[in-house]
Structures are given as C-alpha cells and as structure tokens.
Amino acid sequence: MTALLIFGIVSLICVVGLCVFIALRLSETVLRSLDVLEQSRVGYQEHLDRTLDRLMTIKWEDFVTVREIEDNEEEGGFFSPQEQRGAVQVEAPGPFGTLQAIRDHDEALENEERILREDFR
C-alpha cells in the first residue's frame, strides 16, 4: 500500500513538472513569434517610409497632372485641346538639338539606378 502511494505521488510530481516544462516552452515560443512579428512590422514601416520619401521627391506638377487625369476619366477618354493645353508641354530643342534629350535621359537612368542601389544593396 505504501509503495503504491509513493508511486502515485512521484507520478503526480512528474506530470506536474512536465506540464510546467511544456508551459514554459510554449511561453518562449509565443514570445519569439511576437518578436519576429514586431521586427517584420518595423521593417515594413521602414520600407513604407522609404517609398513615401521617394514619392515625395518626384515633381509635384507631374503628380498633380496624373492625379487629375485619373480623377477625370470619362467614357471614351477624349480630352479637348483646351483641356490638353495645361497638361501638354512642348519643349523647343536646345542649342545641341536632340543631344539635350539624350543627356536628360542618361541623367534619369543614373537617378533610377541610384534609387535601386539604395533599396537593393
């Protein structure tokens, strides 16, 4: 009888110890997953800040023009010459003809590559 009682007490202590051990491991796992979730949120926030900074650096006039075109979409998509007058700007060629446009294009490509290097090191 006493041997059975001792065996029961030892079994109960082992089961309680096992439950405490499982609870501690589960607690550690939950804390680790919350840390990973927080790091992911911080990384996403930094990415969003960089994207918004890049969007703020574009020419404001171009942004407003695109916004107006998106807001004024109608059936057919026709803009009268009076409506186009504010949106379309024709630049006269510079003293070097089309070379100016090529230089501007190269500058735009370099700027784009610089931005890509900032984002994807």
Protein backbone atom coordinates (compact mmCIF):
# COMPACT_ATOMS: atom_id res chain seq x y z
CA MET A 1 0.00 0.00 0.00
CA THR A 2 2.73 2.47 0.86
CA ALA A 3 4.66 1.58 -2.27
CA LEU A 4 1.57 2.33 -4.36
CA LEU A 5 1.11 5.65 -2.56
CA ILE A 6 4.74 6.63 -3.12
CA PHE A 7 4.50 5.64 -6.79
CA GLY A 8 1.32 7.76 -7.18
CA ILE A 9 2.94 10.83 -5.54
CA VAL A 10 6.06 10.51 -7.71
CA SER A 11 3.90 10.13 -10.84
CA LEU A 12 1.86 13.20 -9.89
CA ILE A 13 5.02 15.26 -9.34
CA CYS A 14 6.39 14.14 -12.75
CA VAL A 15 3.15 15.03 -14.54
CA VAL A 16 3.01 18.48 -12.88
CA GLY A 17 6.69 19.07 -13.72
CA LEU A 18 6.07 18.06 -17.33
CA CYS A 19 3.10 20.45 -17.56
CA VAL A 20 5.20 23.30 -16.18
CA PHE A 21 8.00 22.49 -18.64
CA ILE A 22 5.56 22.47 -21.60
CA ALA A 23 4.02 25.77 -20.45
CA LEU A 24 7.47 27.42 -20.24
CA ARG A 25 8.45 26.20 -23.72
CA LEU A 26 5.15 27.40 -25.15
CA SER A 27 5.65 30.78 -23.49
CA GLU A 28 9.13 31.11 -25.03
CA THR A 29 7.79 30.17 -28.46
CA VAL A 30 5.00 32.75 -28.25
CA LEU A 31 7.44 35.46 -27.16
CA ARG A 32 9.81 34.58 -30.01
CA SER A 33 6.99 34.70 -32.56
CA LEU A 34 5.86 38.09 -31.22
CA ASP A 35 9.42 39.41 -31.58
CA VAL A 36 9.55 38.21 -35.19
CA LEU A 37 6.18 39.83 -35.86
CA GLU A 38 7.40 43.13 -34.37
CA GLN A 39 10.59 43.05 -36.45
CA SER A 40 8.52 42.38 -39.56
CA ARG A 41 6.26 45.34 -38.76
CA VAL A 42 9.25 47.64 -38.18
CA GLY A 43 10.83 46.50 -41.47
CA TYR A 44 7.58 47.13 -43.35
CA GLN A 45 7.28 50.59 -41.76
CA GLU A 46 10.83 51.47 -42.83
CA HIS A 47 10.09 50.24 -46.37
CA LEU A 48 6.91 52.32 -46.47
CA ASP A 49 8.81 55.40 -45.24
CA ARG A 50 11.44 54.97 -47.98
CA THR A 51 8.72 54.56 -50.61
CA LEU A 52 6.88 57.65 -49.42
CA ASP A 53 10.14 59.63 -49.37
CA ARG A 54 10.78 58.58 -52.96
CA LEU A 55 7.26 59.55 -53.97
CA MET A 56 7.68 62.96 -52.36
CA THR A 57 10.81 63.61 -54.42
CA ILE A 58 9.03 63.33 -57.78
CA LYS A 59 7.98 66.53 -59.45
CA TRP A 60 4.80 67.75 -57.81
CA GLU A 61 3.39 69.07 -61.08
CA ASP A 62 3.62 65.63 -62.71
CA PHE A 63 1.95 64.03 -59.72
CA VAL A 64 -0.93 66.53 -59.79
CA THR A 65 -1.35 66.09 -63.56
CA VAL A 66 -1.56 62.31 -63.25
CA ARG A 67 -4.00 62.66 -60.36
CA GLU A 68 -6.23 64.98 -62.39
CA ILE A 69 -6.21 62.63 -65.37
CA GLU A 70 -7.15 59.68 -63.13
CA ASP A 71 -9.93 61.68 -61.47
CA ASN A 72 -11.38 62.93 -64.78
CA GLU A 73 -11.64 59.61 -66.56
CA GLU A 74 -14.76 59.52 -68.69
CA GLU A 75 -16.19 57.28 -71.36
CA GLY A 76 -14.01 57.44 -74.45
CA GLY A 77 -11.08 59.20 -72.78
CA PHE A 78 -11.07 62.21 -75.13
CA PHE A 79 -9.52 65.49 -74.00
CA SER A 80 -10.28 68.59 -75.97
CA PRO A 81 -7.36 70.85 -77.00
CA GLN A 82 -8.41 73.33 -74.30
CA GLU A 83 -8.17 70.60 -71.65
CA GLN A 84 -4.82 69.42 -73.02
CA ARG A 85 -3.33 72.89 -73.06
CA GLY A 86 -2.45 72.76 -69.36
CA ALA A 87 -1.18 69.18 -69.37
CA VAL A 88 0.94 69.03 -72.53
CA GLN A 89 4.15 71.00 -72.66
CA VAL A 90 6.30 71.04 -75.75
CA GLU A 91 9.92 71.96 -75.23
CA ALA A 92 11.89 73.54 -78.02
CA PRO A 93 15.14 71.74 -78.86
CA GLY A 94 18.20 73.18 -77.17
CA PRO A 95 21.28 74.53 -78.93
CA PHE A 96 22.53 70.97 -79.44
CA GLY A 97 19.28 69.59 -80.86
CA THR A 98 18.28 66.20 -79.53
CA LEU A 99 21.51 65.72 -77.58
CA GLN A 100 19.93 67.59 -74.68
CA ALA A 101 17.15 64.99 -74.50
CA ILE A 102 19.72 62.19 -74.53
CA ARG A 103 21.62 63.82 -71.66
CA ASP A 104 18.36 64.19 -69.70
CA HIS A 105 17.58 60.52 -70.41
CA ASP A 106 21.02 59.45 -69.16
CA GLU A 107 20.56 61.54 -66.05
CA ALA A 108 17.17 59.92 -65.41
CA LEU A 109 18.70 56.44 -65.83
CA GLU A 110 21.50 57.27 -63.40
CA ASN A 111 18.98 58.58 -60.89
CA GLU A 112 16.90 55.41 -61.24
CA GLU A 113 19.97 53.21 -60.76
CA ARG A 114 20.93 55.20 -57.68
CA ILE A 115 17.48 54.69 -56.20
CA LEU A 116 17.62 50.95 -56.97
CA ARG A 117 21.03 50.69 -55.29
CA GLU A 118 19.60 52.38 -52.21
CA ASP A 119 16.75 49.88 -51.98
CA PHE A 120 18.55 46.71 -53.08
CA ARG A 121 22.09 46.73 -51.74
